[in-house]
PDB file of N, CA and C in Angstrom:
ATOM      1  N   MET A   1      15.544 -17.761  -7.451  1.00  0.00           N
ATOM      2  CA  MET A   1      15.978 -17.980  -6.069  1.00  0.00           C
ATOM      3  C   MET A   1      17.493 -17.776  -5.981  1.00  0.00           C
ATOM      4  N   SER A   2      17.940 -17.069  -4.987  1.00  0.00           N
ATOM      5  CA  SER A   2      19.372 -16.799  -4.859  1.00  0.00           C
ATOM      6  C   SER A   2      20.026 -17.781  -3.900  1.00  0.00           C
ATOM      7  N   LYS A   3      21.309 -17.905  -4.054  1.00  0.00           N
ATOM      8  CA  LYS A   3      22.078 -18.813  -3.190  1.00  0.00           C
ATOM      9  C   LYS A   3      22.394 -18.156  -1.856  1.00  0.00           C
ATOM     10  N   TYR A   4      22.388 -18.912  -0.817  1.00  0.00           N
ATOM     11  CA  TYR A   4      22.839 -18.484   0.514  1.00  0.00           C
ATOM     12  C   TYR A   4      22.079 -17.287   1.082  1.00  0.00           C
ATOM     13  N   GLY A   5      20.891 -17.025   0.587  1.00  0.00           N
ATOM     14  CA  GLY A   5      20.106 -15.915   1.109  1.00  0.00           C
ATOM     15  C   GLY A   5      20.647 -14.547   0.735  1.00  0.00           C
ATOM     16  N   PHE A   6      21.493 -14.499  -0.295  1.00  0.00           N
ATOM     17  CA  PHE A   6      22.089 -13.231  -0.717  1.00  0.00           C
ATOM     18  C   PHE A   6      21.616 -12.902  -2.121  1.00  0.00           C
ATOM     19  N   SER A   7      21.138 -11.705  -2.319  1.00  0.00           N
ATOM     20  CA  SER A   7      20.771 -11.285  -3.664  1.00  0.00           C
ATOM     21  C   SER A   7      21.451  -9.955  -3.950  1.00  0.00           C
ATOM     22  N   PHE A   8      21.883  -9.790  -5.178  1.00  0.00           N
ATOM     23  CA  PHE A   8      22.581  -8.561  -5.563  1.00  0.00           C
ATOM     24  C   PHE A   8      21.621  -7.625  -6.269  1.00  0.00           C
ATOM     25  N   SER A   9      21.600  -6.391  -5.858  1.00  0.00           N
ATOM     26  CA  SER A   9      20.763  -5.396  -6.507  1.00  0.00           C
ATOM     27  C   SER A   9      21.645  -4.262  -7.006  1.00  0.00           C
ATOM     28  N   TRP A  10      21.670  -4.084  -8.323  1.00  0.00           N
ATOM     29  CA  TRP A  10      22.511  -3.014  -8.873  1.00  0.00           C
ATOM     30  C   TRP A  10      21.979  -1.642  -8.480  1.00  0.00           C
ATOM     31  N   LYS A  11      20.661  -1.528  -8.297  1.00  0.00           N
ATOM     32  CA  LYS A  11      20.100  -0.239  -7.874  1.00  0.00           C
ATOM     33  C   LYS A  11      20.595   0.124  -6.483  1.00  0.00           C
ATOM     34  N   ARG A  12      20.612  -0.892  -5.593  1.00  0.00           N
ATOM     35  CA  ARG A  12      21.071  -0.649  -4.232  1.00  0.00           C
ATOM     36  C   ARG A  12      22.575  -0.356  -4.209  1.00  0.00           C
ATOM     37  N   ALA A  13      23.312  -1.061  -5.059  1.00  0.00           N
ATOM     38  CA  ALA A  13      24.761  -0.863  -5.135  1.00  0.00           C
ATOM     39  C   ALA A  13      25.100   0.558  -5.595  1.00  0.00           C
ATOM     40  N   LEU A  14      24.285   1.100  -6.485  1.00  0.00           N
ATOM     41  CA  LEU A  14      24.529   2.456  -6.984  1.00  0.00           C
ATOM     42  C   LEU A  14      23.979   3.531  -6.058  1.00  0.00           C
ATOM     43  N   GLY A  15      23.206   3.111  -5.062  1.00  0.00           N
ATOM     44  CA  GLY A  15      22.666   4.064  -4.114  1.00  0.00           C
ATOM     45  C   GLY A  15      21.345   4.681  -4.562  1.00  0.00           C
ATOM     46  N   LEU A  16      20.708   4.093  -5.574  1.00  0.00           N
ATOM     47  CA  LEU A  16      19.445   4.648  -6.071  1.00  0.00           C
ATOM     48  C   LEU A  16      18.324   4.492  -5.050  1.00  0.00           C
ATOM     49  N   SER A  17      18.311   3.366  -4.372  1.00  0.00           N
ATOM     50  CA  SER A  17      17.250   3.116  -3.383  1.00  0.00           C
ATOM     51  C   SER A  17      17.303   4.166  -2.271  1.00  0.00           C
ATOM     52  N   ALA A  18      18.493   4.414  -1.756  1.00  0.00           N
ATOM     53  CA  ALA A  18      18.651   5.391  -0.675  1.00  0.00           C
ATOM     54  C   ALA A  18      18.304   6.794  -1.153  1.00  0.00           C
ATOM     55  N   ALA A  19      18.687   7.117  -2.370  1.00  0.00           N
ATOM     56  CA  ALA A  19      18.405   8.442  -2.918  1.00  0.00           C
ATOM     57  C   ALA A  19      16.901   8.653  -3.074  1.00  0.00           C
ATOM     58  N   LYS A  20      16.203   7.628  -3.549  1.00  0.00           N
ATOM     59  CA  LYS A  20      14.751   7.731  -3.718  1.00  0.00           C
ATOM     60  C   LYS A  20      14.068   7.891  -2.368  1.00  0.00           C
ATOM     61  N   GLN A  21      14.549   7.148  -1.362  1.00  0.00           N
ATOM     62  CA  GLN A  21      13.968   7.250  -0.019  1.00  0.00           C
ATOM     63  C   GLN A  21      14.171   8.651   0.548  1.00  0.00           C
ATOM     64  N   ARG A  22      15.365   9.193   0.376  1.00  0.00           N
ATOM     65  CA  ARG A  22      15.666  10.536   0.879  1.00  0.00           C
ATOM     66  C   ARG A  22      14.762  11.575   0.206  1.00  0.00           C
ATOM     67  N   PHE A  23      14.614  11.461  -1.109  1.00  0.00           N
ATOM     68  CA  PHE A  23      13.762  12.369  -1.866  1.00  0.00           C
ATOM     69  C   PHE A  23      12.316  12.285  -1.373  1.00  0.00           C
ATOM     70  N   ALA A  24      11.827  11.051  -1.169  1.00  0.00           N
ATOM     71  CA  ALA A  24      10.448  10.855  -0.732  1.00  0.00           C
ATOM     72  C   ALA A  24      10.223  11.449   0.655  1.00  0.00           C
ATOM     73  N   ARG A  25      11.191  11.303   1.538  1.00  0.00           N
ATOM     74  CA  ARG A  25      11.055  11.847   2.897  1.00  0.00           C
ATOM     75  C   ARG A  25      11.044  13.374   2.883  1.00  0.00           C
ATOM     76  N   GLN A  26      11.928  13.965   2.101  1.00  0.00           N
ATOM     77  CA  GLN A  26      12.040  15.426   2.078  1.00  0.00           C
ATOM     78  C   GLN A  26      10.823  16.086   1.435  1.00  0.00           C
ATOM     79  N   THR A  27      10.308  15.486   0.373  1.00  0.00           N
ATOM     80  CA  THR A  27       9.210  16.105  -0.364  1.00  0.00           C
ATOM     81  C   THR A  27       7.842  15.606   0.091  1.00  0.00           C
ATOM     82  N   ARG A  28       7.826  14.546   0.899  1.00  0.00           N
ATOM     83  CA  ARG A  28       6.582  13.908   1.354  1.00  0.00           C
ATOM     84  C   ARG A  28       5.795  13.323   0.180  1.00  0.00           C
ATOM     85  N   ILE A  29       6.506  13.043  -0.932  1.00  0.00           N
ATOM     86  CA  ILE A  29       5.872  12.425  -2.103  1.00  0.00           C
ATOM     87  C   ILE A  29       6.420  11.004  -2.233  1.00  0.00           C
ATOM     88  N   PRO A  30       5.557   9.992  -2.149  1.00  0.00           N
ATOM     89  CA  PRO A  30       6.035   8.617  -2.273  1.00  0.00           C
ATOM     90  C   PRO A  30       6.582   8.335  -3.673  1.00  0.00           C
ATOM     91  N   THR A  31       7.640   7.551  -3.757  1.00  0.00           N
ATOM     92  CA  THR A  31       8.250   7.268  -5.058  1.00  0.00           C
ATOM     93  C   THR A  31       7.964   5.850  -5.528  1.00  0.00           C
ATOM     94  N   ILE A  32       7.265   5.056  -4.714  1.00  0.00           N
ATOM     95  CA  ILE A  32       6.939   3.695  -5.141  1.00  0.00           C
ATOM     96  C   ILE A  32       5.446   3.571  -5.394  1.00  0.00           C
ATOM     97  N   LYS A  33       5.102   2.649  -6.249  1.00  0.00           N
ATOM     98  CA  LYS A  33       3.709   2.499  -6.706  1.00  0.00           C
ATOM     99  C   LYS A  33       2.736   2.303  -5.548  1.00  0.00           C
ATOM    100  N   SER A  34       3.053   1.407  -4.626  1.00  0.00           N
ATOM    101  CA  SER A  34       2.136   1.138  -3.518  1.00  0.00           C
ATOM    102  C   SER A  34       1.971   2.383  -2.621  1.00  0.00           C
ATOM    103  N   GLY A  35       3.025   3.148  -2.463  1.00  0.00           N
ATOM    104  CA  GLY A  35       2.956   4.365  -1.665  1.00  0.00           C
ATOM    105  C   GLY A  35       2.075   5.414  -2.313  1.00  0.00           C
ATOM    106  N   LEU A  36       2.176   5.527  -3.633  1.00  0.00           N
ATOM    107  CA  LEU A  36       1.342   6.483  -4.366  1.00  0.00           C
ATOM    108  C   LEU A  36      -0.133   6.097  -4.258  1.00  0.00           C
ATOM    109  N   GLU A  37      -0.406   4.796  -4.360  1.00  0.00           N
ATOM    110  CA  GLU A  37      -1.793   4.319  -4.260  1.00  0.00           C
ATOM    111  C   GLU A  37      -2.368   4.584  -2.869  1.00  0.00           C
ATOM    112  N   LYS A  38      -1.540   4.364  -1.844  1.00  0.00           N
ATOM    113  CA  LYS A  38      -1.981   4.592  -0.466  1.00  0.00           C
ATOM    114  C   LYS A  38      -2.279   6.076  -0.239  1.00  0.00           C
ATOM    115  N   LYS A  39      -1.350   6.926  -0.676  1.00  0.00           N
ATOM    116  CA  LYS A  39      -1.519   8.357  -0.438  1.00  0.00           C
ATOM    117  C   LYS A  39      -2.668   8.914  -1.274  1.00  0.00           C
ATOM    118  N   GLY A  40      -2.810   8.411  -2.486  1.00  0.00           N
ATOM    119  CA  GLY A  40      -3.864   8.894  -3.373  1.00  0.00           C
ATOM    120  C   GLY A  40      -5.261   8.458  -2.932  1.00  0.00           C
ATOM    121  N   GLY A  41      -5.320   7.326  -2.274  1.00  0.00           N
ATOM    122  CA  GLY A  41      -6.612   6.876  -1.768  1.00  0.00           C
ATOM    123  C   GLY A  41      -7.343   5.992  -2.676  1.00  0.00           C
TER     124      GLY A  41
END
């Protein structure tokens, strides 16, 4: 549990989350497990 409702994410700080989202939107290929399961059926 984090203090004051703030949590630090090194992935977000480095911009990895945004980069993965951009890649997924451009290629129409989900990059997260739940997205792959949904698309795969």
